Amino acid sequence: MQERQWIAARRSELDSLAEELTKRLQEVQVERDELDVAERVLNRLAEQARADAGALAPVSAKVAGRAVLLVPHRSDAAEEGALPGDYRKILAIVREADGPVQVRAVGERLGLNASVRGKLEPLRAKMTKLADRGWLHKRPDGKFTARSWPRRRRVP
């Protein structure tokens, strides 16, 4: 009879342990599922950061086997002729203006439909790139001005 009591007691202990382990296993599975979600979110953020970094990287091309910027930094270029044609047009329009110009005004001069905001965004990106490379100055109010070339002293 004592053996039957021992078996019943041991079975009760094992049932309690199995119940505790089942509960613990469920908690572990919930945490693993949360980690899977966190990992997917981090992967998406990393992909987005890589894409954003690629979009912000200077546009370059290969010339004679060397990488060159399509829109060079102003200090690296001898003159405006180093800029692609559409960038030279933008720079000329800003220079001709009496003062700071909005992207919309430059777009109108280029013949873009300025009433559609989406049509101006590529132009805004080009003007911002020119500002980032030192060709234009972007003011806090979002308007652009041309940077003047430093005057060179004439040697007699």
Protein backbone atom coordinates (compact mmCIF):
# COMPACT_ATOMS: atom_id res chain seq x y z
CA MET A 1 0.00 0.00 0.00
CA GLN A 2 2.81 2.34 0.76
CA GLU A 3 4.14 1.88 -2.74
CA ARG A 4 0.81 2.98 -4.19
CA GLN A 5 0.91 6.14 -2.09
CA TRP A 6 4.44 6.83 -3.19
CA ILE A 7 3.42 6.33 -6.86
CA ALA A 8 0.42 8.66 -6.43
CA ALA A 9 2.54 11.29 -4.71
CA ARG A 10 5.24 11.04 -7.37
CA ARG A 11 2.63 11.24 -10.12
CA SER A 12 1.21 14.39 -8.49
CA GLU A 13 4.70 15.92 -8.31
CA LEU A 14 5.35 15.09 -11.95
CA ASP A 15 1.96 16.47 -13.01
CA SER A 16 2.75 19.74 -11.19
CA LEU A 17 6.19 19.84 -12.79
CA ALA A 18 4.69 19.15 -16.24
CA GLU A 19 2.14 21.91 -15.69
CA GLU A 20 4.89 24.34 -14.61
CA LEU A 21 7.09 23.35 -17.57
CA THR A 22 4.17 23.77 -20.01
CA LYS A 23 3.52 27.25 -18.63
CA ARG A 24 7.23 28.13 -18.83
CA LEU A 25 7.42 26.75 -22.39
CA GLN A 26 4.51 28.98 -23.42
CA GLU A 27 6.28 32.01 -21.92
CA VAL A 28 9.47 31.11 -23.78
CA GLN A 29 7.55 30.71 -27.05
CA VAL A 30 5.87 34.12 -26.61
CA GLU A 31 9.26 35.74 -26.01
CA ARG A 32 10.76 33.98 -29.06
CA ASP A 33 7.87 35.23 -31.20
CA GLU A 34 8.50 38.78 -29.93
CA LEU A 35 12.19 38.43 -30.79
CA ASP A 36 11.27 37.27 -34.30
CA VAL A 37 9.13 40.39 -34.77
CA ALA A 38 11.89 42.62 -33.38
CA GLU A 39 14.42 41.03 -35.74
CA ARG A 40 12.15 41.63 -38.76
CA VAL A 41 11.69 45.27 -37.74
CA LEU A 42 15.44 45.74 -37.33
CA ASN A 43 16.08 44.16 -40.72
CA ARG A 44 13.56 46.53 -42.35
CA LEU A 45 15.12 49.52 -40.61
CA ALA A 46 18.59 48.43 -41.71
CA GLU A 47 17.40 48.02 -45.31
CA GLN A 48 15.78 51.45 -45.19
CA ALA A 49 18.93 53.00 -43.72
CA ARG A 50 21.03 51.41 -46.48
CA ALA A 51 18.60 52.71 -49.12
CA ASP A 52 18.62 56.18 -47.56
CA ALA A 53 22.41 56.17 -47.38
CA GLY A 54 22.54 55.21 -51.04
CA ALA A 55 20.15 58.02 -51.92
CA LEU A 56 22.25 60.53 -50.00
CA ALA A 57 25.54 59.35 -51.42
CA PRO A 58 26.99 61.62 -54.08
CA VAL A 59 26.06 60.52 -57.58
CA SER A 60 29.17 59.37 -59.40
CA ALA A 61 30.08 57.90 -62.74
CA LYS A 62 33.16 56.23 -64.18
CA VAL A 63 35.33 58.30 -66.48
CA ALA A 64 38.52 56.70 -67.79
CA GLY A 65 38.18 54.09 -65.07
CA ARG A 66 37.97 56.68 -62.27
CA ALA A 67 34.90 57.56 -60.25
CA VAL A 68 33.86 61.19 -60.65
CA LEU A 69 30.94 63.10 -59.15
CA LEU A 70 28.30 64.11 -61.65
CA VAL A 71 27.73 67.20 -59.55
CA PRO A 72 31.17 68.04 -58.18
CA HIS A 73 31.85 70.06 -55.08
CA ARG A 74 32.39 73.66 -56.02
CA SER A 75 35.88 73.70 -54.56
CA ASP A 76 36.83 70.68 -56.72
CA ALA A 77 35.61 72.21 -59.99
CA ALA A 78 37.35 74.97 -61.88
CA GLU A 79 34.11 76.39 -63.26
CA GLU A 80 30.41 75.83 -63.84
CA GLY A 81 31.19 73.92 -67.02
CA ALA A 82 31.94 70.93 -64.81
CA LEU A 83 28.22 70.72 -63.95
CA PRO A 84 25.70 68.72 -65.99
CA GLY A 85 23.54 70.90 -68.28
CA ASP A 86 20.36 70.91 -66.20
CA TYR A 87 22.32 71.97 -63.12
CA ARG A 88 23.97 74.80 -65.09
CA LYS A 89 20.50 76.03 -66.15
CA ILE A 90 19.32 76.05 -62.53
CA LEU A 91 22.43 77.91 -61.43
CA ALA A 92 22.00 80.49 -64.21
CA ILE A 93 18.36 81.12 -63.25
CA VAL A 94 19.27 81.63 -59.59
CA ARG A 95 22.13 83.96 -60.54
CA GLU A 96 19.86 86.05 -62.79
CA ALA A 97 17.33 86.57 -60.00
CA ASP A 98 17.28 89.86 -58.13
CA GLY A 99 17.37 88.11 -54.78
CA PRO A 100 16.59 84.80 -53.09
CA VAL A 101 14.36 82.54 -55.20
CA GLN A 102 11.90 79.83 -54.39
CA VAL A 103 11.99 76.45 -56.09
CA ARG A 104 8.60 77.28 -57.63
CA ALA A 105 10.03 80.33 -59.43
CA VAL A 106 12.92 78.32 -60.85
CA GLY A 107 10.49 75.60 -61.92
CA GLU A 108 8.33 78.14 -63.73
CA ARG A 109 11.39 79.49 -65.57
CA LEU A 110 12.26 75.93 -66.60
CA GLY A 111 8.71 75.39 -67.89
CA LEU A 112 7.63 72.95 -65.19
CA ASN A 113 4.03 72.78 -64.02
CA ALA A 114 4.60 74.58 -60.72
CA SER A 115 1.00 74.07 -59.57
CA VAL A 116 1.72 70.38 -59.00
CA ARG A 117 3.98 70.02 -55.97
CA GLY A 118 5.27 66.61 -57.06
CA LYS A 119 6.66 68.12 -60.25
CA LEU A 120 8.87 70.45 -58.20
CA GLU A 121 10.37 67.83 -55.86
CA PRO A 122 13.04 66.58 -58.31
CA LEU A 123 13.99 70.22 -58.92
CA ARG A 124 14.14 70.87 -55.17
CA ALA A 125 16.45 67.84 -54.82
CA LYS A 126 18.76 69.19 -57.53
CA MET A 127 18.85 72.65 -55.97
CA THR A 128 19.56 71.14 -52.56
CA LYS A 129 22.36 69.06 -54.09
CA LEU A 130 23.83 72.24 -55.58
CA ALA A 131 23.62 73.85 -52.15
CA ASP A 132 25.21 70.82 -50.48
CA ARG A 133 28.09 70.98 -52.96
CA GLY A 134 28.65 74.72 -52.46
CA TRP A 135 27.20 76.08 -55.72
CA LEU A 136 24.08 77.59 -54.11
CA HIS A 137 23.16 78.73 -50.62
CA LYS A 138 19.93 77.42 -49.10
CA ARG A 139 18.46 79.89 -46.67
CA PRO A 140 16.47 78.89 -43.58
CA ASP A 141 13.26 80.07 -45.30
CA GLY A 142 13.83 77.49 -48.07
CA LYS A 143 14.85 80.02 -50.72
CA PHE A 144 18.09 79.76 -52.65
CA THR A 145 20.76 82.28 -53.57
CA ALA A 146 23.86 81.92 -55.73
CA ARG A 147 27.20 81.86 -54.00
CA SER A 148 29.62 84.35 -55.39
CA TRP A 149 33.02 83.23 -56.58
CA PRO A 150 35.88 84.57 -54.48
CA ARG A 151 37.66 87.41 -56.23
CA ARG A 152 41.14 86.58 -57.38
CA ARG A 153 43.84 89.14 -56.99
CA ARG A 154 45.44 90.20 -60.18
CA VAL A 155 49.15 89.85 -60.23
CA PRO A 156 50.76 92.84 -62.04
